[in-house]
Amino acid sequence: MQSIKKQFVTDKNLKPVAVIIDDQDWQKIEALLQESEQEDSTESFKALAAYAGSIQLTIDPLEYQSEIRNS
């Protein structure tokens, strides 16, 4: 992993409250996060697609909801 130059901003009790990083490093971080998010959503879609058509409904979901609420 690449080293990121950072500065910590602290409060009066010397507790870290923020981090300052170079814009170039931030752009790299954002790109990595977007790549990761796209990969995760693709994997999730593939996992859900495996279940497509595995259940057969006997009643329309909105009909069922209406019946349950009116009971």
PDB file of N, CA and C in Angstrom:
ATOM      1  N   MET A   1       0.844  -1.181   0.000  1.00  0.00           N
ATOM      2  CA  MET A   1       0.000   0.000   0.000  1.00  0.00           C
ATOM      3  C   MET A   1       0.884   1.238   0.000  1.00  0.00           C
ATOM      4  N   GLN A   2       0.415   2.238  -0.680  1.00  0.00           N
ATOM      5  CA  GLN A   2       1.169   3.479  -0.808  1.00  0.00           C
ATOM      6  C   GLN A   2       1.049   4.315   0.461  1.00  0.00           C
ATOM      7  N   SER A   3       2.138   4.951   0.838  1.00  0.00           N
ATOM      8  CA  SER A   3       2.146   5.819   2.011  1.00  0.00           C
ATOM      9  C   SER A   3       1.461   7.141   1.666  1.00  0.00           C
ATOM     10  N   ILE A   4       0.640   7.633   2.573  1.00  0.00           N
ATOM     11  CA  ILE A   4      -0.069   8.896   2.365  1.00  0.00           C
ATOM     12  C   ILE A   4       0.418   9.902   3.398  1.00  0.00           C
ATOM     13  N   LYS A   5       0.899  11.035   2.911  1.00  0.00           N
ATOM     14  CA  LYS A   5       1.354  12.100   3.805  1.00  0.00           C
ATOM     15  C   LYS A   5       0.116  12.757   4.410  1.00  0.00           C
ATOM     16  N   LYS A   6       0.080  12.830   5.731  1.00  0.00           N
ATOM     17  CA  LYS A   6      -1.090  13.405   6.385  1.00  0.00           C
ATOM     18  C   LYS A   6      -0.686  14.218   7.608  1.00  0.00           C
ATOM     19  N   GLN A   7      -1.537  15.164   7.955  1.00  0.00           N
ATOM     20  CA  GLN A   7      -1.360  15.967   9.161  1.00  0.00           C
ATOM     21  C   GLN A   7      -2.643  15.841   9.976  1.00  0.00           C
ATOM     22  N   PHE A   8      -2.484  15.671  11.274  1.00  0.00           N
ATOM     23  CA  PHE A   8      -3.646  15.545  12.143  1.00  0.00           C
ATOM     24  C   PHE A   8      -3.960  16.885  12.793  1.00  0.00           C
ATOM     25  N   VAL A   9      -5.234  17.234  12.823  1.00  0.00           N
ATOM     26  CA  VAL A   9      -5.703  18.427  13.507  1.00  0.00           C
ATOM     27  C   VAL A   9      -6.280  17.955  14.829  1.00  0.00           C
ATOM     28  N   THR A  10      -5.860  18.588  15.925  1.00  0.00           N
ATOM     29  CA  THR A  10      -6.313  18.161  17.250  1.00  0.00           C
ATOM     30  C   THR A  10      -7.082  19.277  17.945  1.00  0.00           C
ATOM     31  N   ASP A  11      -7.896  18.884  18.922  1.00  0.00           N
ATOM     32  CA  ASP A  11      -8.596  19.871  19.730  1.00  0.00           C
ATOM     33  C   ASP A  11      -7.710  20.281  20.902  1.00  0.00           C
ATOM     34  N   LYS A  12      -8.258  21.046  21.836  1.00  0.00           N
ATOM     35  CA  LYS A  12      -7.436  21.548  22.947  1.00  0.00           C
ATOM     36  C   LYS A  12      -6.960  20.435  23.876  1.00  0.00           C
ATOM     37  N   ASN A  13      -7.612  19.262  23.828  1.00  0.00           N
ATOM     38  CA  ASN A  13      -7.191  18.112  24.632  1.00  0.00           C
ATOM     39  C   ASN A  13      -6.262  17.185  23.858  1.00  0.00           C
ATOM     40  N   LEU A  14      -5.810  17.653  22.713  1.00  0.00           N
ATOM     41  CA  LEU A  14      -4.918  16.896  21.832  1.00  0.00           C
ATOM     42  C   LEU A  14      -5.569  15.625  21.279  1.00  0.00           C
ATOM     43  N   LYS A  15      -6.886  15.635  21.199  1.00  0.00           N
ATOM     44  CA  LYS A  15      -7.617  14.537  20.571  1.00  0.00           C
ATOM     45  C   LYS A  15      -7.722  14.817  19.082  1.00  0.00           C
ATOM     46  N   PRO A  16      -7.392  13.841  18.230  1.00  0.00           N
ATOM     47  CA  PRO A  16      -7.512  14.078  16.787  1.00  0.00           C
ATOM     48  C   PRO A  16      -8.969  14.333  16.384  1.00  0.00           C
ATOM     49  N   VAL A  17      -9.185  15.381  15.596  1.00  0.00           N
ATOM     50  CA  VAL A  17     -10.535  15.712  15.143  1.00  0.00           C
ATOM     51  C   VAL A  17     -10.639  15.777  13.620  1.00  0.00           C
ATOM     52  N   ALA A  18      -9.498  15.836  12.935  1.00  0.00           N
ATOM     53  CA  ALA A  18      -9.511  15.901  11.472  1.00  0.00           C
ATOM     54  C   ALA A  18      -8.145  15.496  10.939  1.00  0.00           C
ATOM     55  N   VAL A  19      -8.123  15.214   9.636  1.00  0.00           N
ATOM     56  CA  VAL A  19      -6.876  14.851   8.966  1.00  0.00           C
ATOM     57  C   VAL A  19      -6.756  15.699   7.708  1.00  0.00           C
ATOM     58  N   ILE A  20      -5.575  16.225   7.470  1.00  0.00           N
ATOM     59  CA  ILE A  20      -5.307  16.985   6.258  1.00  0.00           C
ATOM     60  C   ILE A  20      -4.424  16.128   5.362  1.00  0.00           C
ATOM     61  N   ILE A  21      -4.880  15.925   4.112  1.00  0.00           N
ATOM     62  CA  ILE A  21      -4.078  15.178   3.147  1.00  0.00           C
ATOM     63  C   ILE A  21      -4.024  15.973   1.845  1.00  0.00           C
ATOM     64  N   ASP A  22      -3.022  15.683   1.025  1.00  0.00           N
ATOM     65  CA  ASP A  22      -2.890  16.353  -0.265  1.00  0.00           C
ATOM     66  C   ASP A  22      -4.064  15.985  -1.162  1.00  0.00           C
ATOM     67  N   ASP A  23      -4.447  16.934  -2.010  1.00  0.00           N
ATOM     68  CA  ASP A  23      -5.559  16.704  -2.926  1.00  0.00           C
ATOM     69  C   ASP A  23      -5.277  15.535  -3.863  1.00  0.00           C
ATOM     70  N   GLN A  24      -4.046  15.403  -4.307  1.00  0.00           N
ATOM     71  CA  GLN A  24      -3.682  14.313  -5.212  1.00  0.00           C
ATOM     72  C   GLN A  24      -3.911  12.954  -4.538  1.00  0.00           C
ATOM     73  N   ASP A  25      -3.539  12.853  -3.260  1.00  0.00           N
ATOM     74  CA  ASP A  25      -3.780  11.613  -2.517  1.00  0.00           C
ATOM     75  C   ASP A  25      -5.283  11.362  -2.368  1.00  0.00           C
ATOM     76  N   TRP A  26      -6.043  12.437  -2.111  1.00  0.00           N
ATOM     77  CA  TRP A  26      -7.485  12.297  -1.952  1.00  0.00           C
ATOM     78  C   TRP A  26      -8.124  11.786  -3.240  1.00  0.00           C
ATOM     79  N   GLN A  27      -7.682  12.290  -4.381  1.00  0.00           N
ATOM     80  CA  GLN A  27      -8.212  11.840  -5.668  1.00  0.00           C
ATOM     81  C   GLN A  27      -7.964  10.344  -5.858  1.00  0.00           C
ATOM     82  N   LYS A  28      -6.782   9.869  -5.456  1.00  0.00           N
ATOM     83  CA  LYS A  28      -6.462   8.442  -5.565  1.00  0.00           C
ATOM     84  C   LYS A  28      -7.379   7.617  -4.662  1.00  0.00           C
ATOM     85  N   ILE A  29      -7.606   8.114  -3.449  1.00  0.00           N
ATOM     86  CA  ILE A  29      -8.475   7.410  -2.498  1.00  0.00           C
ATOM     87  C   ILE A  29      -9.892   7.313  -3.055  1.00  0.00           C
ATOM     88  N   GLU A  30     -10.412   8.423  -3.589  1.00  0.00           N
ATOM     89  CA  GLU A  30     -11.762   8.411  -4.161  1.00  0.00           C
ATOM     90  C   GLU A  30     -11.871   7.414  -5.308  1.00  0.00           C
ATOM     91  N   ALA A  31     -10.855   7.374  -6.166  1.00  0.00           N
ATOM     92  CA  ALA A  31     -10.874   6.440  -7.298  1.00  0.00           C
ATOM     93  C   ALA A  31     -10.893   4.997  -6.803  1.00  0.00           C
ATOM     94  N   LEU A  32     -10.099   4.696  -5.789  1.00  0.00           N
ATOM     95  CA  LEU A  32     -10.072   3.343  -5.228  1.00  0.00           C
ATOM     96  C   LEU A  32     -11.419   2.970  -4.610  1.00  0.00           C
ATOM     97  N   LEU A  33     -12.029   3.917  -3.911  1.00  0.00           N
ATOM     98  CA  LEU A  33     -13.332   3.655  -3.296  1.00  0.00           C
ATOM     99  C   LEU A  33     -14.406   3.406  -4.353  1.00  0.00           C
ATOM    100  N   GLN A  34     -14.385   4.175  -5.429  1.00  0.00           N
ATOM    101  CA  GLN A  34     -15.370   3.981  -6.493  1.00  0.00           C
ATOM    102  C   GLN A  34     -15.192   2.623  -7.162  1.00  0.00           C
ATOM    103  N   GLU A  35     -13.953   2.226  -7.404  1.00  0.00           N
ATOM    104  CA  GLU A  35     -13.687   0.911  -7.992  1.00  0.00           C
ATOM    105  C   GLU A  35     -14.213  -0.192  -7.088  1.00  0.00           C
ATOM    106  N   SER A  36     -13.921  -0.059  -5.803  1.00  0.00           N
ATOM    107  CA  SER A  36     -14.343  -1.066  -4.832  1.00  0.00           C
ATOM    108  C   SER A  36     -15.865  -1.153  -4.772  1.00  0.00           C
ATOM    109  N   GLU A  37     -16.528  -0.003  -4.791  1.00  0.00           N
ATOM    110  CA  GLU A  37     -17.988   0.035  -4.728  1.00  0.00           C
ATOM    111  C   GLU A  37     -18.605  -0.637  -5.949  1.00  0.00           C
ATOM    112  N   GLN A  38     -18.045  -0.392  -7.122  1.00  0.00           N
ATOM    113  CA  GLN A  38     -18.562  -1.006  -8.341  1.00  0.00           C
ATOM    114  C   GLN A  38     -18.375  -2.517  -8.310  1.00  0.00           C
ATOM    115  N   GLU A  39     -17.226  -2.983  -7.827  1.00  0.00           N
ATOM    116  CA  GLU A  39     -16.972  -4.420  -7.731  1.00  0.00           C
ATOM    117  C   GLU A  39     -17.946  -5.067  -6.761  1.00  0.00           C
ATOM    118  N   ASP A  40     -18.169  -4.406  -5.607  1.00  0.00           N
ATOM    119  CA  ASP A  40     -19.083  -4.947  -4.602  1.00  0.00           C
ATOM    120  C   ASP A  40     -20.501  -5.060  -5.150  1.00  0.00           C
ATOM    121  N   SER A  41     -20.969  -4.016  -5.860  1.00  0.00           N
ATOM    122  CA  SER A  41     -22.341  -4.055  -6.364  1.00  0.00           C
ATOM    123  C   SER A  41     -22.492  -5.120  -7.445  1.00  0.00           C
ATOM    124  N   THR A  42     -21.466  -5.330  -8.251  1.00  0.00           N
ATOM    125  CA  THR A  42     -21.516  -6.366  -9.280  1.00  0.00           C
ATOM    126  C   THR A  42     -21.576  -7.741  -8.636  1.00  0.00           C
ATOM    127  N   GLU A  43     -20.772  -7.962  -7.607  1.00  0.00           N
ATOM    128  CA  GLU A  43     -20.779  -9.248  -6.907  1.00  0.00           C
ATOM    129  C   GLU A  43     -22.123  -9.487  -6.231  1.00  0.00           C
ATOM    130  N   SER A  44     -22.691  -8.443  -5.621  1.00  0.00           N
ATOM    131  CA  SER A  44     -23.991  -8.574  -4.967  1.00  0.00           C
ATOM    132  C   SER A  44     -25.068  -8.923  -5.982  1.00  0.00           C
ATOM    133  N   PHE A  45     -25.019  -8.263  -7.139  1.00  0.00           N
ATOM    134  CA  PHE A  45     -26.011  -8.542  -8.179  1.00  0.00           C
ATOM    135  C   PHE A  45     -25.912  -9.984  -8.640  1.00  0.00           C
ATOM    136  N   LYS A  46     -24.695 -10.472  -8.849  1.00  0.00           N
ATOM    137  CA  LYS A  46     -24.504 -11.857  -9.289  1.00  0.00           C
ATOM    138  C   LYS A  46     -25.021 -12.830  -8.237  1.00  0.00           C
ATOM    139  N   ALA A  47     -24.780 -12.521  -6.965  1.00  0.00           N
ATOM    140  CA  ALA A  47     -25.240 -13.401  -5.892  1.00  0.00           C
ATOM    141  C   ALA A  47     -26.768 -13.447  -5.856  1.00  0.00           C
ATOM    142  N   LEU A  48     -27.414 -12.287  -6.018  1.00  0.00           N
ATOM    143  CA  LEU A  48     -28.876 -12.259  -6.014  1.00  0.00           C
ATOM    144  C   LEU A  48     -29.458 -12.897  -7.266  1.00  0.00           C
ATOM    145  N   ALA A  49     -28.789 -12.734  -8.388  1.00  0.00           N
ATOM    146  CA  ALA A  49     -29.280 -13.292  -9.648  1.00  0.00           C
ATOM    147  C   ALA A  49     -29.367 -14.813  -9.586  1.00  0.00           C
ATOM    148  N   ALA A  50     -28.562 -15.425  -8.749  1.00  0.00           N
ATOM    149  CA  ALA A  50     -28.599 -16.884  -8.612  1.00  0.00           C
ATOM    150  C   ALA A  50     -29.950 -17.356  -8.078  1.00  0.00           C
ATOM    151  N   TYR A  51     -30.674 -16.477  -7.371  1.00  0.00           N
ATOM    152  CA  TYR A  51     -31.966 -16.842  -6.793  1.00  0.00           C
ATOM    153  C   TYR A  51     -33.145 -16.453  -7.677  1.00  0.00           C
ATOM    154  N   ALA A  52     -32.896 -15.828  -8.810  1.00  0.00           N
ATOM    155  CA  ALA A  52     -33.977 -15.376  -9.692  1.00  0.00           C
ATOM    156  C   ALA A  52     -34.844 -16.556 -10.108  1.00  0.00           C
ATOM    157  N   GLY A  53     -36.155 -16.389  -9.930  1.00  0.00           N
ATOM    158  CA  GLY A  53     -37.100 -17.425 -10.332  1.00  0.00           C
ATOM    159  C   GLY A  53     -37.186 -18.596  -9.375  1.00  0.00           C
ATOM    160  N   SER A  54     -36.574 -18.494  -8.207  1.00  0.00           N
ATOM    161  CA  SER A  54     -36.569 -19.636  -7.291  1.00  0.00           C
ATOM    162  C   SER A  54     -37.835 -19.721  -6.440  1.00  0.00           C
ATOM    163  N   ILE A  55     -38.623 -18.639  -6.378  1.00  0.00           N
ATOM    164  CA  ILE A  55     -39.893 -18.724  -5.655  1.00  0.00           C
ATOM    165  C   ILE A  55     -41.036 -18.436  -6.619  1.00  0.00           C
ATOM    166  N   GLN A  56     -42.156 -19.030  -6.362  1.00  0.00           N
ATOM    167  CA  GLN A  56     -43.355 -18.815  -7.169  1.00  0.00           C
ATOM    168  C   GLN A  56     -44.430 -18.247  -6.251  1.00  0.00           C
ATOM    169  N   LEU A  57     -44.890 -17.043  -6.564  1.00  0.00           N
ATOM    170  CA  LEU A  57     -45.916 -16.407  -5.751  1.00  0.00           C
ATOM    171  C   LEU A  57     -47.288 -16.922  -6.159  1.00  0.00           C
ATOM    172  N   THR A  58     -48.132 -17.171  -5.157  1.00  0.00           N
ATOM    173  CA  THR A  58     -49.484 -17.653  -5.441  1.00  0.00           C
ATOM    174  C   THR A  58     -50.485 -16.509  -5.469  1.00  0.00           C
ATOM    175  N   ILE A  59     -50.073 -15.344  -4.987  1.00  0.00           N
ATOM    176  CA  ILE A  59     -50.956 -14.180  -4.954  1.00  0.00           C
ATOM    177  C   ILE A  59     -50.104 -12.943  -5.230  1.00  0.00           C
ATOM    178  N   ASP A  60     -50.728 -11.939  -5.831  1.00  0.00           N
ATOM    179  CA  ASP A  60     -50.034 -10.689  -6.115  1.00  0.00           C
ATOM    180  C   ASP A  60     -49.622 -10.033  -4.793  1.00  0.00           C
ATOM    181  N   PRO A  61     -48.395  -9.559  -4.670  1.00  0.00           N
ATOM    182  CA  PRO A  61     -47.930  -8.969  -3.411  1.00  0.00           C
ATOM    183  C   PRO A  61     -48.790  -7.806  -2.924  1.00  0.00           C
ATOM    184  N   LEU A  62     -49.282  -6.966  -3.821  1.00  0.00           N
ATOM    185  CA  LEU A  62     -50.125  -5.848  -3.393  1.00  0.00           C
ATOM    186  C   LEU A  62     -51.480  -6.329  -2.894  1.00  0.00           C
ATOM    187  N   GLU A  63     -52.015  -7.368  -3.513  1.00  0.00           N
ATOM    188  CA  GLU A  63     -53.266  -7.971  -3.036  1.00  0.00           C
ATOM    189  C   GLU A  63     -53.081  -8.511  -1.628  1.00  0.00           C
ATOM    190  N   TYR A  64     -51.987  -9.230  -1.436  1.00  0.00           N
ATOM    191  CA  TYR A  64     -51.692  -9.823  -0.133  1.00  0.00           C
ATOM    192  C   TYR A  64     -51.559  -8.732   0.930  1.00  0.00           C
ATOM    193  N   GLN A  65     -50.841  -7.676   0.594  1.00  0.00           N
ATOM    194  CA  GLN A  65     -50.648  -6.578   1.536  1.00  0.00           C
ATOM    195  C   GLN A  65     -51.991  -5.950   1.905  1.00  0.00           C
ATOM    196  N   SER A  66     -52.837  -5.755   0.930  1.00  0.00           N
ATOM    197  CA  SER A  66     -54.157  -5.183   1.175  1.00  0.00           C
ATOM    198  C   SER A  66     -54.985  -6.088   2.082  1.00  0.00           C
ATOM    199  N   GLU A  67     -54.956  -7.394   1.828  1.00  0.00           N
ATOM    200  CA  GLU A  67     -55.701  -8.349   2.658  1.00  0.00           C
ATOM    201  C   GLU A  67     -55.217  -8.328   4.098  1.00  0.00           C
ATOM    202  N   ILE A  68     -53.919  -8.314   4.280  1.00  0.00           N
ATOM    203  CA  ILE A  68     -53.354  -8.328   5.636  1.00  0.00           C
ATOM    204  C   ILE A  68     -53.725  -7.055   6.386  1.00  0.00           C
ATOM    205  N   ARG A  69     -53.657  -5.924   5.719  1.00  0.00           N
ATOM    206  CA  ARG A  69     -53.966  -4.652   6.381  1.00  0.00           C
ATOM    207  C   ARG A  69     -55.445  -4.522   6.715  1.00  0.00           C
ATOM    208  N   ASN A  70     -56.293  -5.122   5.924  1.00  0.00           N
ATOM    209  CA  ASN A  70     -57.737  -5.014   6.154  1.00  0.00           C
ATOM    210  C   ASN A  70     -58.265  -6.084   7.101  1.00  0.00           C
ATOM    211  N   SER A  71     -57.428  -6.987   7.539  1.00  0.00           N
ATOM    212  CA  SER A  71     -57.863  -8.060   8.446  1.00  0.00           C
ATOM    213  C   SER A  71     -57.987  -7.568   9.862  1.00  0.00           C
TER     214      SER A  71
END
